[in-house]
C-alpha cells in the first residue's frame, strides 16, 4: 500500500449557476514532505467548517484505482490527480478492504479510518456537472476520511503500513451502503449495532444510525 500523491488547496471563490461560492475542492499535488496535523495538512484548508474538516475529517483519501473507472464513465473529461478533492491519493486501500477504526502509519504520522465520504454539491462544481454527486455516491467509490492519532510528516511515495485492524471489521463500503439503503434487514441492523461500538465512528454518524435502527424496529 502506498501514498501516490499528497494534495492540498485553499478556499477560492468560483461561480456556479450564477452565484459565487467558496470552495477548497480544487486541490493540487505538492512536492516534498508535508506536516500532517490534527486538523489538516499544512497548506490545506476547508471553506465550510460546518460540514468539512475537523478532527474526524483531517484527511480525505481516494484510491487511485478508481480513476480508470471514471475515465470510462466520463470519457470526455480530464482526470488530473486530486480531481476528487482528496488529500491523499492512495494505492491498495479500497473501500471494501478498509474498515472503520483501522489504524495506519503513513510517513511519520499515525492515522485512523473514521467514515466514508458523503459528497456535497461542490463535487458537482468541480466537475461542472450537477449529476456528479449522484453518480459518485451510486458508484460506491467514495473514498474515506482519516483522523490523526499522531502528527508527523508525509510525502508522495510513502508506504502505508497497518498498525491495527479493528476487530469489528466493518468495511467503509458497507457503511456507505447502509447510509443510503431504503430499509434495513435484520442482518443490516446487526451490522449497524456493531458499527455503533466502533469508537472512531463520529457521533453524528452514530446518531443517524441510531435513528435508522429505531425506525427499522418500529
N, C-alpha and C. Protein backbone atom coordinates (compact mmCIF):
# COMPACT_ATOMS: atom_id res chain seq x y z
N UNK A 1 0.85 -1.19 0.00
CA UNK A 1 0.00 0.00 0.00
C UNK A 1 0.89 1.24 0.00
N UNK A 2 0.46 2.23 -0.75
CA UNK A 2 1.35 3.37 -0.95
C UNK A 2 0.56 4.67 -1.09
N UNK A 3 1.19 5.75 -0.68
CA UNK A 3 0.67 7.10 -0.87
C UNK A 3 1.18 7.61 -2.21
N UNK A 4 0.30 7.75 -3.16
CA UNK A 4 0.68 8.14 -4.51
C UNK A 4 0.89 9.64 -4.64
N UNK A 5 -0.01 10.41 -4.00
CA UNK A 5 0.08 11.87 -4.13
C UNK A 5 -0.47 12.52 -2.86
N UNK A 6 0.20 13.59 -2.42
CA UNK A 6 -0.28 14.43 -1.33
C UNK A 6 -0.80 15.72 -1.96
N UNK A 7 -2.04 16.09 -1.62
CA UNK A 7 -2.71 17.19 -2.32
C UNK A 7 -3.30 18.18 -1.32
N UNK A 8 -3.11 19.45 -1.58
CA UNK A 8 -3.64 20.49 -0.70
C UNK A 8 -4.28 21.60 -1.53
N UNK A 9 -5.05 22.42 -0.84
CA UNK A 9 -5.67 23.56 -1.51
C UNK A 9 -6.31 24.49 -0.51
N UNK A 10 -6.40 25.75 -0.88
CA UNK A 10 -7.03 26.77 -0.05
C UNK A 10 -8.35 27.19 -0.67
N UNK A 11 -9.27 27.71 0.12
CA UNK A 11 -10.56 28.14 -0.44
C UNK A 11 -10.38 29.20 -1.53
N UNK A 12 -11.23 29.08 -2.53
CA UNK A 12 -11.25 30.07 -3.60
C UNK A 12 -12.71 30.36 -3.97
N UNK A 13 -12.92 31.51 -4.56
CA UNK A 13 -14.25 31.89 -5.00
C UNK A 13 -14.46 31.43 -6.44
N UNK A 14 -15.58 30.75 -6.67
CA UNK A 14 -15.94 30.33 -8.02
C UNK A 14 -17.41 30.66 -8.24
N UNK A 15 -17.80 30.72 -9.50
CA UNK A 15 -19.19 30.99 -9.85
C UNK A 15 -19.85 29.71 -10.32
N UNK A 16 -21.01 29.41 -9.75
CA UNK A 16 -21.75 28.19 -10.11
C UNK A 16 -23.23 28.54 -10.15
N UNK A 17 -23.84 28.29 -11.31
CA UNK A 17 -25.25 28.62 -11.52
C UNK A 17 -25.57 30.06 -11.14
N UNK A 18 -24.65 30.95 -11.49
CA UNK A 18 -24.89 32.37 -11.31
C UNK A 18 -24.65 32.92 -9.94
N UNK A 19 -24.11 32.11 -9.04
CA UNK A 19 -23.81 32.64 -7.70
C UNK A 19 -22.38 32.31 -7.32
N UNK A 20 -21.82 33.15 -6.49
CA UNK A 20 -20.44 32.96 -6.03
C UNK A 20 -20.43 32.05 -4.81
N UNK A 21 -19.55 31.08 -4.83
CA UNK A 21 -19.39 30.19 -3.68
C UNK A 21 -17.90 30.05 -3.36
N UNK A 22 -17.63 29.71 -2.12
CA UNK A 22 -16.26 29.47 -1.68
C UNK A 22 -16.05 27.97 -1.54
N UNK A 23 -14.97 27.47 -2.11
CA UNK A 23 -14.70 26.03 -2.04
C UNK A 23 -13.19 25.78 -2.05
N UNK A 24 -12.80 24.72 -1.36
CA UNK A 24 -11.40 24.30 -1.37
C UNK A 24 -11.23 22.95 -2.06
N UNK A 25 -12.19 22.59 -2.91
CA UNK A 25 -12.13 21.29 -3.56
C UNK A 25 -11.08 21.24 -4.68
N UNK A 26 -10.60 22.40 -5.11
CA UNK A 26 -9.60 22.44 -6.18
C UNK A 26 -8.20 22.27 -5.57
N UNK A 27 -7.84 21.04 -5.32
CA UNK A 27 -6.55 20.76 -4.69
C UNK A 27 -5.50 20.39 -5.74
N UNK A 28 -4.23 20.54 -5.36
CA UNK A 28 -3.12 20.27 -6.28
C UNK A 28 -2.08 19.41 -5.57
N UNK A 29 -1.41 18.51 -6.30
CA UNK A 29 -0.30 17.75 -5.70
C UNK A 29 0.82 18.67 -5.25
N UNK A 30 1.45 18.31 -4.13
CA UNK A 30 2.57 19.08 -3.62
C UNK A 30 3.80 18.19 -3.53
N UNK A 31 4.96 18.78 -3.68
CA UNK A 31 6.22 18.05 -3.63
C UNK A 31 6.80 18.08 -2.22
N UNK A 32 7.67 17.13 -1.94
CA UNK A 32 8.39 17.13 -0.68
C UNK A 32 7.55 16.64 0.48
N UNK A 33 8.08 16.84 1.68
CA UNK A 33 7.41 16.40 2.91
C UNK A 33 6.43 17.47 3.38
N UNK A 34 5.30 17.02 3.88
CA UNK A 34 4.25 17.93 4.34
C UNK A 34 3.86 17.53 5.75
N UNK A 35 3.72 18.50 6.63
CA UNK A 35 3.30 18.22 8.00
C UNK A 35 1.82 17.89 8.05
N UNK A 36 1.50 16.77 8.67
CA UNK A 36 0.12 16.37 8.90
C UNK A 36 -0.21 16.63 10.37
N UNK A 37 -1.19 17.52 10.58
CA UNK A 37 -1.55 17.91 11.94
C UNK A 37 -2.96 17.41 12.27
N UNK A 38 -3.41 17.68 13.48
CA UNK A 38 -4.69 17.13 13.95
C UNK A 38 -5.86 17.52 13.06
N UNK A 39 -5.81 18.72 12.48
CA UNK A 39 -6.96 19.20 11.72
C UNK A 39 -6.79 19.09 10.21
N UNK A 40 -5.56 19.10 9.72
CA UNK A 40 -5.34 19.03 8.28
C UNK A 40 -3.85 19.03 7.96
N UNK A 41 -3.55 18.97 6.70
CA UNK A 41 -2.19 19.11 6.22
C UNK A 41 -1.81 20.58 6.17
N UNK A 42 -0.53 20.88 6.37
CA UNK A 42 -0.08 22.25 6.16
C UNK A 42 -0.38 22.65 4.72
N UNK A 43 -0.93 23.84 4.56
CA UNK A 43 -1.26 24.31 3.22
C UNK A 43 -2.64 23.91 2.75
N UNK A 44 -3.40 23.26 3.61
CA UNK A 44 -4.74 22.81 3.23
C UNK A 44 -5.76 23.42 4.19
N UNK A 45 -6.89 23.86 3.63
CA UNK A 45 -7.97 24.41 4.45
C UNK A 45 -9.31 23.99 3.87
N UNK A 46 -10.37 24.19 4.65
CA UNK A 46 -11.72 23.91 4.19
C UNK A 46 -12.50 25.22 4.16
N UNK A 47 -13.44 25.32 3.21
CA UNK A 47 -14.20 26.55 3.07
C UNK A 47 -15.37 26.62 4.04
N UNK A 48 -16.05 25.50 4.26
CA UNK A 48 -17.24 25.47 5.11
C UNK A 48 -17.01 24.48 6.23
N UNK A 49 -16.61 24.99 7.39
CA UNK A 49 -16.25 24.12 8.51
C UNK A 49 -17.46 23.49 9.18
N UNK A 50 -18.66 23.88 8.78
CA UNK A 50 -19.85 23.24 9.35
C UNK A 50 -20.05 21.83 8.81
N UNK A 51 -19.50 21.55 7.63
CA UNK A 51 -19.66 20.22 7.04
C UNK A 51 -18.32 19.58 6.64
N UNK A 52 -17.27 20.37 6.56
CA UNK A 52 -15.97 19.85 6.15
C UNK A 52 -14.94 20.08 7.26
N UNK A 53 -13.90 19.28 7.24
CA UNK A 53 -12.82 19.47 8.18
C UNK A 53 -13.15 18.98 9.57
N UNK A 54 -12.31 19.36 10.52
CA UNK A 54 -12.44 18.88 11.88
C UNK A 54 -11.59 17.64 12.11
N UNK A 55 -11.45 17.24 13.37
CA UNK A 55 -10.55 16.13 13.69
C UNK A 55 -10.97 14.83 13.03
N UNK A 56 -12.27 14.60 12.85
CA UNK A 56 -12.73 13.35 12.24
C UNK A 56 -12.56 13.34 10.73
N UNK A 57 -12.28 14.49 10.14
CA UNK A 57 -12.08 14.60 8.70
C UNK A 57 -10.78 15.34 8.40
N UNK A 58 -9.73 14.99 9.10
CA UNK A 58 -8.46 15.69 8.91
C UNK A 58 -7.89 15.44 7.52
N UNK A 59 -8.10 14.23 7.00
CA UNK A 59 -7.54 13.84 5.70
C UNK A 59 -8.60 13.07 4.92
N UNK A 60 -8.76 13.42 3.66
CA UNK A 60 -9.64 12.67 2.77
C UNK A 60 -8.79 11.85 1.81
N UNK A 61 -9.04 10.54 1.78
CA UNK A 61 -8.30 9.61 0.92
C UNK A 61 -9.17 9.14 -0.24
N UNK A 62 -8.55 9.05 -1.41
CA UNK A 62 -9.26 8.49 -2.56
C UNK A 62 -8.35 7.53 -3.31
N UNK A 63 -8.83 6.31 -3.59
CA UNK A 63 -8.00 5.30 -4.25
C UNK A 63 -7.70 5.65 -5.71
N UNK A 64 -6.46 5.56 -6.08
CA UNK A 64 -6.07 5.82 -7.46
C UNK A 64 -6.69 4.80 -8.40
N UNK A 65 -7.02 3.61 -7.88
CA UNK A 65 -7.62 2.56 -8.70
C UNK A 65 -8.94 3.01 -9.33
N UNK A 66 -9.64 3.95 -8.69
CA UNK A 66 -10.94 4.39 -9.19
C UNK A 66 -10.83 5.33 -10.38
N UNK A 67 -9.68 5.89 -10.60
CA UNK A 67 -9.55 6.86 -11.69
C UNK A 67 -9.90 6.24 -13.05
N UNK A 68 -9.49 5.00 -13.26
CA UNK A 68 -9.77 4.35 -14.54
C UNK A 68 -11.27 4.15 -14.73
N UNK A 69 -11.96 3.80 -13.65
CA UNK A 69 -13.42 3.66 -13.73
C UNK A 69 -14.06 4.97 -14.21
N UNK A 70 -13.65 6.09 -13.63
CA UNK A 70 -14.24 7.36 -14.00
C UNK A 70 -13.85 7.79 -15.41
N UNK A 71 -12.67 7.41 -15.84
CA UNK A 71 -12.30 7.72 -17.23
C UNK A 71 -13.21 6.99 -18.20
N UNK A 72 -13.63 5.77 -17.86
CA UNK A 72 -14.57 5.03 -18.71
C UNK A 72 -15.98 5.62 -18.62
N UNK A 73 -16.39 6.01 -17.41
CA UNK A 73 -17.74 6.53 -17.21
C UNK A 73 -17.91 7.92 -17.81
N UNK A 74 -16.86 8.73 -17.74
CA UNK A 74 -16.92 10.11 -18.21
C UNK A 74 -15.78 10.36 -19.18
N UNK A 75 -15.84 9.77 -20.37
CA UNK A 75 -14.68 9.76 -21.27
C UNK A 75 -14.28 11.13 -21.82
N UNK A 76 -15.14 12.10 -21.75
CA UNK A 76 -14.80 13.41 -22.30
C UNK A 76 -14.18 14.35 -21.27
N UNK A 77 -13.93 13.85 -20.08
CA UNK A 77 -13.41 14.70 -19.01
C UNK A 77 -11.95 14.35 -18.70
N UNK A 78 -11.24 15.33 -18.19
CA UNK A 78 -9.87 15.12 -17.73
C UNK A 78 -9.89 14.71 -16.27
N UNK A 79 -8.90 13.90 -15.89
CA UNK A 79 -8.82 13.43 -14.51
C UNK A 79 -7.41 13.63 -13.96
N UNK A 80 -7.03 14.89 -13.73
CA UNK A 80 -5.74 15.14 -13.09
C UNK A 80 -5.77 14.64 -11.66
N UNK A 81 -4.61 14.38 -11.10
CA UNK A 81 -4.52 13.94 -9.71
C UNK A 81 -5.19 14.96 -8.79
N UNK A 82 -5.94 14.45 -7.83
CA UNK A 82 -6.67 15.25 -6.83
C UNK A 82 -7.96 15.83 -7.36
N UNK A 83 -8.44 15.38 -8.50
CA UNK A 83 -9.66 15.93 -9.08
C UNK A 83 -10.89 15.68 -8.21
N UNK A 84 -10.83 14.69 -7.33
CA UNK A 84 -11.97 14.41 -6.45
C UNK A 84 -11.87 15.18 -5.13
N UNK A 85 -10.88 16.03 -5.03
CA UNK A 85 -10.72 16.84 -3.83
C UNK A 85 -10.01 16.12 -2.71
N UNK A 86 -9.35 15.02 -3.05
CA UNK A 86 -8.69 14.23 -1.99
C UNK A 86 -7.36 14.84 -1.57
N UNK A 87 -7.04 14.63 -0.29
CA UNK A 87 -5.73 15.00 0.23
C UNK A 87 -4.69 13.93 -0.07
N UNK A 88 -5.10 12.67 0.08
CA UNK A 88 -4.22 11.55 -0.21
C UNK A 88 -4.81 10.74 -1.36
N UNK A 89 -4.06 10.61 -2.44
CA UNK A 89 -4.40 9.65 -3.47
C UNK A 89 -3.60 8.38 -3.15
N UNK A 90 -4.31 7.28 -2.92
CA UNK A 90 -3.68 6.07 -2.38
C UNK A 90 -3.73 4.92 -3.37
N UNK A 91 -2.86 3.96 -3.15
CA UNK A 91 -2.84 2.72 -3.93
C UNK A 91 -2.91 1.55 -2.95
N UNK A 92 -3.91 0.68 -3.16
CA UNK A 92 -4.01 -0.51 -2.33
C UNK A 92 -4.96 -0.40 -1.16
N UNK A 93 -5.72 0.68 -1.09
CA UNK A 93 -6.68 0.86 0.01
C UNK A 93 -8.07 1.09 -0.57
N UNK A 94 -8.76 0.01 -0.87
CA UNK A 94 -10.10 0.11 -1.42
C UNK A 94 -11.15 0.03 -0.32
N UNK A 95 -12.31 0.61 -0.58
CA UNK A 95 -13.35 0.73 0.44
C UNK A 95 -13.81 -0.62 1.00
N UNK A 96 -13.75 -1.66 0.18
CA UNK A 96 -14.17 -2.97 0.65
C UNK A 96 -13.18 -3.65 1.58
N UNK A 97 -11.94 -3.16 1.58
CA UNK A 97 -10.91 -3.78 2.42
C UNK A 97 -10.40 -2.89 3.53
N UNK A 98 -10.98 -1.69 3.63
CA UNK A 98 -10.62 -0.75 4.69
C UNK A 98 -11.80 -0.65 5.64
N UNK A 99 -11.54 -0.75 6.94
CA UNK A 99 -12.61 -0.82 7.92
C UNK A 99 -12.60 0.39 8.85
N UNK A 100 -13.77 0.72 9.37
CA UNK A 100 -13.86 1.74 10.41
C UNK A 100 -12.93 1.36 11.56
N UNK A 101 -12.13 2.30 12.00
CA UNK A 101 -11.25 2.05 13.13
C UNK A 101 -9.91 1.44 12.78
N UNK A 102 -9.69 1.08 11.50
CA UNK A 102 -8.36 0.59 11.11
C UNK A 102 -7.33 1.70 11.31
N UNK A 103 -6.15 1.32 11.77
CA UNK A 103 -5.09 2.29 12.02
C UNK A 103 -3.89 2.02 11.10
N UNK A 104 -3.33 3.10 10.56
CA UNK A 104 -2.23 3.00 9.62
C UNK A 104 -1.12 3.98 10.00
N UNK A 105 0.08 3.64 9.58
CA UNK A 105 1.23 4.53 9.66
C UNK A 105 1.56 5.00 8.25
N UNK A 106 1.63 6.32 8.07
CA UNK A 106 1.99 6.91 6.78
C UNK A 106 3.09 7.93 7.06
N UNK A 107 4.26 7.72 6.48
CA UNK A 107 5.38 8.57 6.84
C UNK A 107 5.65 8.43 8.32
N UNK A 108 5.73 9.55 9.02
CA UNK A 108 5.93 9.50 10.47
C UNK A 108 4.63 9.76 11.24
N UNK A 109 3.52 9.78 10.54
CA UNK A 109 2.22 10.03 11.17
C UNK A 109 1.46 8.72 11.35
N UNK A 110 0.55 8.73 12.32
CA UNK A 110 -0.36 7.61 12.53
C UNK A 110 -1.79 8.12 12.41
N UNK A 111 -2.63 7.34 11.71
CA UNK A 111 -3.99 7.78 11.40
C UNK A 111 -4.98 6.64 11.63
N UNK A 112 -6.28 7.00 11.70
CA UNK A 112 -7.33 6.01 11.89
C UNK A 112 -8.49 6.34 10.96
N UNK A 113 -9.12 5.30 10.40
CA UNK A 113 -10.25 5.47 9.48
C UNK A 113 -11.50 5.80 10.28
N UNK A 114 -12.21 6.86 9.87
CA UNK A 114 -13.38 7.30 10.64
C UNK A 114 -14.71 7.13 9.92
N UNK A 115 -14.75 7.33 8.60
CA UNK A 115 -16.05 7.36 7.91
C UNK A 115 -15.85 7.41 6.40
N UNK A 116 -16.89 7.03 5.64
CA UNK A 116 -16.86 7.25 4.19
C UNK A 116 -17.07 8.72 3.88
N UNK A 117 -16.82 9.08 2.65
CA UNK A 117 -17.16 10.43 2.20
C UNK A 117 -18.60 10.45 1.70
N UNK A 118 -19.34 11.46 2.12
CA UNK A 118 -20.64 11.76 1.55
C UNK A 118 -20.49 13.03 0.74
N UNK A 119 -20.57 12.94 -0.58
CA UNK A 119 -20.26 14.11 -1.42
C UNK A 119 -21.32 15.21 -1.29
N UNK A 120 -20.87 16.45 -1.35
CA UNK A 120 -21.79 17.58 -1.37
C UNK A 120 -21.78 18.18 -2.77
N UNK A 121 -22.59 19.22 -2.97
CA UNK A 121 -22.77 19.79 -4.29
C UNK A 121 -21.47 20.34 -4.87
N UNK A 122 -20.46 20.57 -4.03
CA UNK A 122 -19.22 21.15 -4.54
C UNK A 122 -18.43 20.17 -5.41
N UNK A 123 -18.71 18.86 -5.27
CA UNK A 123 -18.13 17.92 -6.21
C UNK A 123 -18.70 18.18 -7.60
N UNK A 124 -19.98 18.51 -7.66
CA UNK A 124 -20.59 18.90 -8.94
C UNK A 124 -19.98 20.17 -9.48
N UNK A 125 -19.63 21.09 -8.60
CA UNK A 125 -18.96 22.32 -9.02
C UNK A 125 -17.61 21.99 -9.66
N UNK A 126 -16.87 21.09 -9.00
CA UNK A 126 -15.54 20.72 -9.51
C UNK A 126 -15.63 20.11 -10.90
N UNK A 127 -16.67 19.31 -11.13
CA UNK A 127 -16.82 18.64 -12.42
C UNK A 127 -17.74 19.40 -13.37
N UNK A 128 -18.28 20.55 -12.89
CA UNK A 128 -19.23 21.31 -13.70
C UNK A 128 -20.37 20.41 -14.18
N UNK A 129 -20.90 19.63 -13.22
CA UNK A 129 -21.92 18.64 -13.55
C UNK A 129 -22.78 18.37 -12.31
N UNK A 130 -24.07 18.76 -12.39
CA UNK A 130 -24.96 18.56 -11.25
C UNK A 130 -25.16 17.08 -10.93
N UNK A 131 -25.05 16.23 -11.91
CA UNK A 131 -25.29 14.80 -11.71
C UNK A 131 -24.12 14.08 -11.03
N UNK A 132 -22.99 14.76 -10.88
CA UNK A 132 -21.79 14.09 -10.38
C UNK A 132 -21.96 13.57 -8.96
N UNK A 133 -22.65 14.30 -8.12
CA UNK A 133 -22.85 13.86 -6.73
C UNK A 133 -23.60 12.53 -6.71
N UNK A 134 -24.67 12.44 -7.49
CA UNK A 134 -25.47 11.21 -7.57
C UNK A 134 -24.64 10.06 -8.14
N UNK A 135 -23.92 10.32 -9.22
CA UNK A 135 -23.10 9.28 -9.84
C UNK A 135 -22.02 8.78 -8.89
N UNK A 136 -21.43 9.70 -8.18
CA UNK A 136 -20.35 9.38 -7.25
C UNK A 136 -20.85 8.47 -6.13
N UNK A 137 -21.96 8.83 -5.52
CA UNK A 137 -22.49 8.04 -4.41
C UNK A 137 -22.98 6.68 -4.89
N UNK A 138 -23.64 6.65 -6.03
CA UNK A 138 -24.14 5.38 -6.55
C UNK A 138 -23.02 4.43 -6.94
N UNK A 139 -21.87 4.97 -7.31
CA UNK A 139 -20.74 4.13 -7.72
C UNK A 139 -20.16 3.33 -6.56
N UNK A 140 -20.35 3.83 -5.34
CA UNK A 140 -19.72 3.20 -4.18
C UNK A 140 -18.25 3.54 -4.04
N UNK A 141 -17.74 4.28 -4.98
CA UNK A 141 -16.32 4.66 -4.97
C UNK A 141 -16.19 6.03 -4.28
N UNK A 142 -16.34 6.01 -2.97
CA UNK A 142 -16.46 7.25 -2.22
C UNK A 142 -15.17 7.72 -1.58
N UNK A 143 -14.21 6.81 -1.37
CA UNK A 143 -13.06 7.15 -0.55
C UNK A 143 -13.47 7.22 0.91
N UNK A 144 -12.58 7.71 1.75
CA UNK A 144 -12.85 7.70 3.19
C UNK A 144 -11.99 8.75 3.88
N UNK A 145 -12.38 9.06 5.12
CA UNK A 145 -11.67 10.06 5.92
C UNK A 145 -10.81 9.41 7.00
N UNK A 146 -9.77 10.15 7.38
CA UNK A 146 -8.87 9.74 8.44
C UNK A 146 -8.83 10.80 9.52
N UNK A 147 -8.71 10.35 10.77
CA UNK A 147 -8.34 11.23 11.88
C UNK A 147 -6.87 10.97 12.19
N UNK A 148 -6.22 11.95 12.77
CA UNK A 148 -4.79 11.85 13.07
C UNK A 148 -4.61 11.42 14.52
N UNK A 149 -3.96 10.27 14.70
CA UNK A 149 -3.64 9.78 16.04
C UNK A 149 -2.36 10.44 16.54
N UNK A 150 -1.37 10.50 15.63
CA UNK A 150 -0.07 11.07 15.97
C UNK A 150 0.40 11.91 14.79
N UNK A 151 0.68 13.18 15.03
CA UNK A 151 1.12 14.07 13.96
C UNK A 151 2.49 13.65 13.43
N UNK A 152 2.75 14.00 12.17
CA UNK A 152 4.03 13.67 11.57
C UNK A 152 4.15 14.30 10.20
N UNK A 153 5.10 13.82 9.41
CA UNK A 153 5.29 14.30 8.04
C UNK A 153 5.01 13.19 7.05
N UNK A 154 4.41 13.57 5.92
CA UNK A 154 4.08 12.61 4.87
C UNK A 154 4.56 13.14 3.54
N UNK A 155 4.69 12.24 2.58
CA UNK A 155 5.11 12.65 1.25
C UNK A 155 4.73 11.60 0.22
N UNK A 156 4.61 12.02 -1.02
CA UNK A 156 4.31 11.10 -2.10
C UNK A 156 5.35 9.98 -2.14
N UNK A 157 4.87 8.76 -2.30
CA UNK A 157 5.75 7.60 -2.33
C UNK A 157 5.88 6.88 -1.00
N UNK A 158 5.36 7.48 0.07
CA UNK A 158 5.43 6.82 1.38
C UNK A 158 4.67 5.51 1.37
N UNK A 159 5.21 4.52 2.05
CA UNK A 159 4.49 3.28 2.27
C UNK A 159 3.39 3.52 3.31
N UNK A 160 2.27 2.82 3.14
CA UNK A 160 1.19 2.84 4.12
C UNK A 160 1.17 1.48 4.79
N UNK A 161 1.45 1.45 6.07
CA UNK A 161 1.53 0.17 6.78
C UNK A 161 0.44 0.08 7.84
N UNK A 162 -0.02 -1.14 8.06
CA UNK A 162 -1.09 -1.38 9.03
C UNK A 162 -0.51 -1.39 10.44
N UNK A 163 -1.11 -0.60 11.32
CA UNK A 163 -0.79 -0.67 12.75
C UNK A 163 -1.72 -1.66 13.42
N UNK A 164 -3.03 -1.54 13.12
CA UNK A 164 -4.02 -2.43 13.72
C UNK A 164 -5.28 -2.43 12.87
N UNK A 165 -5.86 -3.60 12.71
CA UNK A 165 -7.16 -3.74 12.07
C UNK A 165 -8.23 -3.79 13.17
N UNK A 166 -9.31 -3.05 12.98
CA UNK A 166 -10.33 -3.03 14.01
C UNK A 166 -11.05 -4.38 14.09
N UNK A 167 -11.26 -4.90 15.28
CA UNK A 167 -11.86 -6.23 15.42
C UNK A 167 -13.30 -6.33 14.90
N UNK A 168 -14.04 -5.22 14.83
CA UNK A 168 -15.41 -5.27 14.31
C UNK A 168 -15.43 -5.47 12.80
N UNK A 169 -14.34 -5.07 12.12
CA UNK A 169 -14.13 -5.33 10.68
C UNK A 169 -15.32 -4.93 9.82
N UNK A 170 -15.76 -3.68 9.96
CA UNK A 170 -16.87 -3.18 9.15
C UNK A 170 -16.30 -2.34 8.02
N UNK A 171 -16.41 -2.80 6.77
CA UNK A 171 -15.81 -2.08 5.65
C UNK A 171 -16.45 -0.71 5.43
N UNK A 172 -15.66 0.21 4.95
CA UNK A 172 -16.16 1.52 4.57
C UNK A 172 -17.31 1.38 3.56
N UNK A 173 -17.16 0.48 2.62
CA UNK A 173 -18.20 0.29 1.60
C UNK A 173 -19.52 -0.13 2.22
N UNK A 174 -19.48 -0.91 3.28
CA UNK A 174 -20.70 -1.35 3.95
C UNK A 174 -21.39 -0.17 4.64
N UNK A 175 -20.60 0.72 5.21
CA UNK A 175 -21.19 1.90 5.86
C UNK A 175 -21.87 2.81 4.84
N UNK A 176 -21.28 2.94 3.67
CA UNK A 176 -21.91 3.74 2.62
C UNK A 176 -23.22 3.11 2.19
N UNK A 177 -23.19 1.79 1.99
CA UNK A 177 -24.42 1.09 1.58
C UNK A 177 -25.53 1.28 2.61
N UNK A 178 -25.18 1.12 3.88
CA UNK A 178 -26.19 1.24 4.93
C UNK A 178 -26.69 2.67 5.07
N UNK A 179 -25.85 3.62 4.78
CA UNK A 179 -26.27 5.02 4.88
C UNK A 179 -27.38 5.33 3.88
N UNK A 180 -27.26 4.81 2.67
CA UNK A 180 -28.22 5.16 1.61
C UNK A 180 -29.33 4.14 1.45
N UNK A 181 -29.25 3.00 2.14
CA UNK A 181 -30.25 1.94 1.99
C UNK A 181 -31.64 2.46 2.37
N UNK A 182 -32.66 2.06 1.59
CA UNK A 182 -34.02 2.50 1.87
C UNK A 182 -34.59 1.82 3.11
N UNK A 183 -34.20 0.58 3.34
CA UNK A 183 -34.69 -0.15 4.50
C UNK A 183 -33.62 -1.09 5.01
N UNK A 184 -33.81 -1.62 6.21
CA UNK A 184 -32.83 -2.50 6.83
C UNK A 184 -33.40 -3.89 7.08
N UNK A 185 -32.59 -4.89 6.75
CA UNK A 185 -32.90 -6.26 7.15
C UNK A 185 -32.40 -6.47 8.57
N UNK A 186 -32.71 -7.63 9.14
CA UNK A 186 -32.20 -7.95 10.47
C UNK A 186 -30.68 -7.99 10.47
N UNK A 187 -30.10 -8.50 9.38
CA UNK A 187 -28.63 -8.54 9.28
C UNK A 187 -28.06 -7.13 9.22
N UNK A 188 -28.73 -6.24 8.51
CA UNK A 188 -28.27 -4.85 8.44
C UNK A 188 -28.28 -4.21 9.83
N UNK A 189 -29.33 -4.43 10.57
CA UNK A 189 -29.42 -3.87 11.92
C UNK A 189 -28.28 -4.38 12.78
N UNK A 190 -27.94 -5.66 12.61
CA UNK A 190 -26.84 -6.23 13.40
C UNK A 190 -25.52 -5.56 13.05
N UNK A 191 -25.29 -5.27 11.77
CA UNK A 191 -24.06 -4.59 11.36
C UNK A 191 -24.02 -3.18 11.93
N UNK A 192 -25.15 -2.49 11.89
CA UNK A 192 -25.20 -1.13 12.44
C UNK A 192 -24.91 -1.15 13.94
N UNK A 193 -25.45 -2.14 14.64
CA UNK A 193 -25.19 -2.23 16.07
C UNK A 193 -23.71 -2.43 16.35
N UNK A 194 -23.03 -3.19 15.50
CA UNK A 194 -21.58 -3.36 15.64
C UNK A 194 -20.86 -2.05 15.37
N UNK A 195 -21.32 -1.33 14.33
CA UNK A 195 -20.68 -0.06 13.97
C UNK A 195 -20.80 0.95 15.10
N UNK A 196 -21.90 0.92 15.81
CA UNK A 196 -22.11 1.87 16.90
C UNK A 196 -21.12 1.67 18.03
N UNK A 197 -20.45 0.52 18.04
CA UNK A 197 -19.47 0.24 19.08
C UNK A 197 -18.03 0.51 18.62
N UNK A 198 -17.89 1.09 17.43
CA UNK A 198 -16.57 1.48 16.92
C UNK A 198 -16.28 2.91 17.37
N UNK A 199 -15.29 3.07 18.19
CA UNK A 199 -15.00 4.39 18.77
C UNK A 199 -14.66 5.45 17.74
N UNK A 200 -14.06 5.05 16.61
CA UNK A 200 -13.63 6.03 15.61
C UNK A 200 -14.78 6.60 14.81
N UNK A 201 -15.93 5.94 14.81
CA UNK A 201 -17.07 6.45 14.04
C UNK A 201 -17.60 7.71 14.72
N UNK A 202 -17.68 8.84 14.00
CA UNK A 202 -18.09 10.10 14.63
C UNK A 202 -19.50 10.05 15.19
N UNK A 203 -19.75 10.90 16.15
CA UNK A 203 -21.03 10.88 16.85
C UNK A 203 -22.20 11.22 15.92
N UNK A 204 -22.00 12.10 14.94
CA UNK A 204 -23.11 12.43 14.05
C UNK A 204 -23.54 11.23 13.21
N UNK A 205 -22.58 10.37 12.84
CA UNK A 205 -22.92 9.14 12.15
C UNK A 205 -23.66 8.19 13.08
N UNK A 206 -23.21 8.10 14.31
CA UNK A 206 -23.88 7.22 15.26
C UNK A 206 -25.32 7.67 15.50
N UNK A 207 -25.53 8.96 15.61
CA UNK A 207 -26.88 9.47 15.82
C UNK A 207 -27.78 9.13 14.63
N UNK A 208 -27.24 9.27 13.43
CA UNK A 208 -28.00 8.92 12.23
C UNK A 208 -28.40 7.45 12.25
N UNK A 209 -27.45 6.58 12.55
CA UNK A 209 -27.74 5.14 12.52
C UNK A 209 -28.63 4.70 13.68
N UNK A 210 -28.50 5.35 14.82
CA UNK A 210 -29.43 5.02 15.91
C UNK A 210 -30.87 5.31 15.50
N UNK A 211 -31.06 6.44 14.82
CA UNK A 211 -32.40 6.79 14.35
C UNK A 211 -32.91 5.80 13.32
N UNK A 212 -32.01 5.36 12.42
CA UNK A 212 -32.41 4.39 11.39
C UNK A 212 -32.79 3.05 12.03
N UNK A 213 -32.03 2.61 13.02
CA UNK A 213 -32.34 1.35 13.68
C UNK A 213 -33.65 1.44 14.44
N UNK A 214 -33.86 2.56 15.12
CA UNK A 214 -35.11 2.74 15.84
C UNK A 214 -36.30 2.68 14.89
N UNK A 215 -36.15 3.31 13.73
CA UNK A 215 -37.22 3.29 12.73
C UNK A 215 -37.44 1.87 12.20
N UNK A 216 -36.34 1.14 12.01
CA UNK A 216 -36.44 -0.24 11.50
C UNK A 216 -37.13 -1.15 12.49
N UNK A 217 -37.02 -0.84 13.78
CA UNK A 217 -37.59 -1.70 14.82
C UNK A 217 -39.05 -1.37 15.13
N UNK A 218 -39.55 -0.26 14.55
CA UNK A 218 -40.95 0.13 14.79
C UNK A 218 -41.90 -0.81 14.05
